[in-house]
Every structure is written in structure tokens, then in C-alpha cells.
C-alpha atoms as a PDB file:
ATOM      1  CA  MET A   1     145.023  67.151  54.346  1.00  0.00           C
ATOM      2  CA  THR A   2     142.374  64.481  53.995  1.00  0.00           C
ATOM      3  CA  SER A   3     142.966  63.260  57.536  1.00  0.00           C
ATOM      4  CA  GLU A   4     142.454  66.741  58.958  1.00  0.00           C
ATOM      5  CA  ILE A   5     139.404  67.460  56.816  1.00  0.00           C
ATOM      6  CA  ILE A   6     137.714  64.183  57.757  1.00  0.00           C
ATOM      7  CA  ALA A   7     138.508  64.574  61.451  1.00  0.00           C
ATOM      8  CA  THR A   8     137.272  68.174  61.523  1.00  0.00           C
ATOM      9  CA  ASN A   9     134.056  67.598  59.577  1.00  0.00           C
ATOM     10  CA  ALA A  10     133.212  64.308  61.306  1.00  0.00           C
ATOM     11  CA  ARG A  11     133.806  66.109  64.610  1.00  0.00           C
ATOM     12  CA  LYS A  12     135.835  63.170  65.881  1.00  0.00           C
ATOM     13  CA  PRO A  13     139.559  62.515  66.238  1.00  0.00           C
ATOM     14  CA  ILE A  14     141.133  60.241  63.642  1.00  0.00           C
ATOM     15  CA  PHE A  15     140.576  56.620  64.603  1.00  0.00           C
ATOM     16  CA  GLY A  16     143.902  54.875  65.236  1.00  0.00           C
ATOM     17  CA  TYR A  17     146.034  57.993  64.996  1.00  0.00           C
ATOM     18  CA  ARG A  18     149.336  56.185  65.610  1.00  0.00           C
ATOM     19  CA  ALA A  19     148.487  53.496  63.064  1.00  0.00           C
ATOM     20  CA  MET A  20     147.630  56.245  60.593  1.00  0.00           C
ATOM     21  CA  ILE A  21     151.024  57.905  61.103  1.00  0.00           C
ATOM     22  CA  ALA A  22     152.805  54.553  60.778  1.00  0.00           C
ATOM     23  CA  SER A  23     150.858  53.833  57.587  1.00  0.00           C
ATOM     24  CA  MET A  24     151.807  57.179  56.096  1.00  0.00           C
ATOM     25  CA  MET A  25     155.453  56.548  56.884  1.00  0.00           C
ATOM     26  CA  GLY A  26     155.223  53.022  55.436  1.00  0.00           C
ATOM     27  CA  ILE A  27     153.609  54.271  52.238  1.00  0.00           C
ATOM     28  CA  ALA A  28     156.200  57.036  51.894  1.00  0.00           C
ATOM     29  CA  PHE A  29     159.054  54.542  52.342  1.00  0.00           C
ATOM     30  CA  LEU A  30     157.608  51.932  49.973  1.00  0.00           C
ATOM     31  CA  ALA A  31     156.786  54.570  47.350  1.00  0.00           C
ATOM     32  CA  PHE A  32     160.511  55.074  46.817  1.00  0.00           C
ATOM     33  CA  ILE A  33     160.925  51.358  46.127  1.00  0.00           C
ATOM     34  CA  VAL A  34     157.975  50.437  43.889  1.00  0.00           C
ATOM     35  CA  TRP A  35     158.679  52.844  41.024  1.00  0.00           C
ATOM     36  CA  ALA A  36     159.586  50.016  38.635  1.00  0.00           C
ATOM     37  CA  HIS A  37     156.115  48.444  38.676  1.00  0.00           C
ATOM     38  CA  HIS A  38     155.327  50.854  35.832  1.00  0.00           C
ATOM     39  CA  MET A  39     158.166  49.425  33.728  1.00  0.00           C
ATOM     40  CA  PHE A  40     157.084  45.819  33.068  1.00  0.00           C
ATOM     41  CA  VAL A  41     157.208  46.236  29.272  1.00  0.00           C
ATOM     42  CA  THR A  42     160.760  47.641  29.172  1.00  0.00           C
ATOM     43  CA  GLY A  43     162.537  44.297  28.993  1.00  0.00           C
ATOM     44  CA  MET A  44     163.272  44.161  32.707  1.00  0.00           C
ATOM     45  CA  ASN A  45     164.631  40.922  34.120  1.00  0.00           C
ATOM     46  CA  PRO A  46     161.592  38.800  35.144  1.00  0.00           C
ATOM     47  CA  PHE A  47     163.103  38.068  38.570  1.00  0.00           C
ATOM     48  CA  LEU A  48     163.563  41.778  39.221  1.00  0.00           C
ATOM     49  CA  GLY A  49     160.013  42.386  37.990  1.00  0.00           C
ATOM     50  CA  SER A  50     158.665  39.827  40.451  1.00  0.00           C
ATOM     51  CA  ILE A  51     160.460  41.601  43.311  1.00  0.00           C
ATOM     52  CA  PHE A  52     158.857  44.904  42.345  1.00  0.00           C
ATOM     53  CA  MET A  53     155.485  43.161  42.003  1.00  0.00           C
ATOM     54  CA  PHE A  54     155.816  41.763  45.534  1.00  0.00           C
ATOM     55  CA  LEU A  55     156.749  45.187  46.917  1.00  0.00           C
ATOM     56  CA  THR A  56     153.760  46.704  45.128  1.00  0.00           C
ATOM     57  CA  LEU A  57     151.485  44.166  46.809  1.00  0.00           C
ATOM     58  CA  ILE A  58     153.008  44.980  50.208  1.00  0.00           C
ATOM     59  CA  ILE A  59     152.107  48.665  49.853  1.00  0.00           C
ATOM     60  CA  ALA A  60     148.440  47.615  49.922  1.00  0.00           C
ATOM     61  CA  VAL A  61     148.694  46.816  53.654  1.00  0.00           C
ATOM     62  CA  PRO A  62     149.363  50.349  54.954  1.00  0.00           C
ATOM     63  CA  SER A  63     146.944  51.686  52.338  1.00  0.00           C
ATOM     64  CA  ALA A  64     144.206  49.431  53.700  1.00  0.00           C
ATOM     65  CA  VAL A  65     144.974  50.625  57.234  1.00  0.00           C
ATOM     66  CA  LYS A  66     144.514  54.239  56.107  1.00  0.00           C
ATOM     67  CA  ALA A  67     141.214  53.462  54.360  1.00  0.00           C
ATOM     68  CA  PHE A  68     139.933  51.541  57.398  1.00  0.00           C
ATOM     69  CA  ASN A  69     140.890  54.409  59.709  1.00  0.00           C
ATOM     70  CA  TYR A  70     139.127  56.946  57.493  1.00  0.00           C
ATOM     71  CA  ILE A  71     135.942  54.871  57.376  1.00  0.00           C
ATOM     72  CA  THR A  72     135.930  54.229  61.114  1.00  0.00           C
ATOM     73  CA  THR A  73     136.482  57.927  61.768  1.00  0.00           C
ATOM     74  CA  LEU A  74     133.342  58.652  59.753  1.00  0.00           C
ATOM     75  CA  TRP A  75     131.399  55.899  61.518  1.00  0.00           C
ATOM     76  CA  ARG A  76     128.827  57.450  63.878  1.00  0.00           C
ATOM     77  CA  GLY A  77     130.358  60.869  63.464  1.00  0.00           C
ATOM     78  CA  ASN A  78     128.378  64.075  63.357  1.00  0.00           C
ATOM     79  CA  ILE A  79     129.292  64.721  59.718  1.00  0.00           C
ATOM     80  CA  ARG A  80     129.115  68.136  58.070  1.00  0.00           C
ATOM     81  CA  PHE A  81     129.015  67.791  54.296  1.00  0.00           C
ATOM     82  CA  THR A  82     131.119  70.771  53.297  1.00  0.00           C
ATOM     83  CA  PRO A  83     132.701  70.839  49.826  1.00  0.00           C
ATOM     84  CA  ALA A  84     136.053  69.843  51.342  1.00  0.00           C
ATOM     85  CA  MET A  85     134.421  66.909  53.138  1.00  0.00           C
ATOM     86  CA  LEU A  86     132.667  65.746  49.971  1.00  0.00           C
ATOM     87  CA  PHE A  87     135.979  65.920  48.127  1.00  0.00           C
ATOM     88  CA  SER A  88     137.685  63.937  50.903  1.00  0.00           C
ATOM     89  CA  ILE A  89     134.986  61.258  50.943  1.00  0.00           C
ATOM     90  CA  GLY A  90     135.317  61.024  47.159  1.00  0.00           C
ATOM     91  CA  LEU A  91     139.083  60.706  47.537  1.00  0.00           C
ATOM     92  CA  VAL A  92     138.701  57.844  50.026  1.00  0.00           C
ATOM     93  CA  SER A  93     136.197  56.132  47.724  1.00  0.00           C
ATOM     94  CA  PHE A  94     138.535  56.521  44.761  1.00  0.00           C
ATOM     95  CA  PHE A  95     141.475  55.357  46.885  1.00  0.00           C
ATOM     96  CA  ILE A  96     139.616  52.157  47.790  1.00  0.00           C
ATOM     97  CA  SER A  97     138.379  51.336  44.297  1.00  0.00           C
ATOM     98  CA  GLY A  98     141.343  52.501  42.237  1.00  0.00           C
ATOM     99  CA  GLY A  99     144.250  52.496  44.636  1.00  0.00           C
END
């Protein structure tokens, strides 16, 4: 939804559309694998924990591609600040700082 809202209210197509789709697919795939990074205090084998930690770090790459594409879509766009657009910009900001 955020991609459509940003593209519509910036009045520009999403920058790097194919990279954005690939990033979404990469995040969806890796999300099924990194579930155990929430379970470090459960007595998990440290080697297994390090594998999940590495996979969690890898998910930052497609996430950074999405954030970069959102920001470059907004760059020099004719932006309308509708409530949905403000929410989407806030989501991207939160995604960068807390993701």
C-alpha cells in the first residue's frame, strides 16, 4: 500500500520498480527464516543463534533498497500531503530508524 500511496501522491512512478518487487520478494522469503532472532534467551545453541543473526543482518539489504526507492520516488516529486501520504512518509521514517 505504501508504494502505491507514495507513487500516487508524489505524482511519479516508483523509482526502481523491478528492484522494489525483488526486494519485497526477498523480504518475504527471509521473513520465514529469521523468526528465531527473537529467541536468543531460550537456551538456543550459540552456533544456531549466529546463523539466525547472520540471516537477520542479510534482511537489511532488501530493506535498504526499499527505503532508498521510496526516498528517490519522493525526490523532486510534486508531493500532495494527504493524510495517507503523511502516514506513508511516517512509515518510511519509522522503517529507516527502527527497522
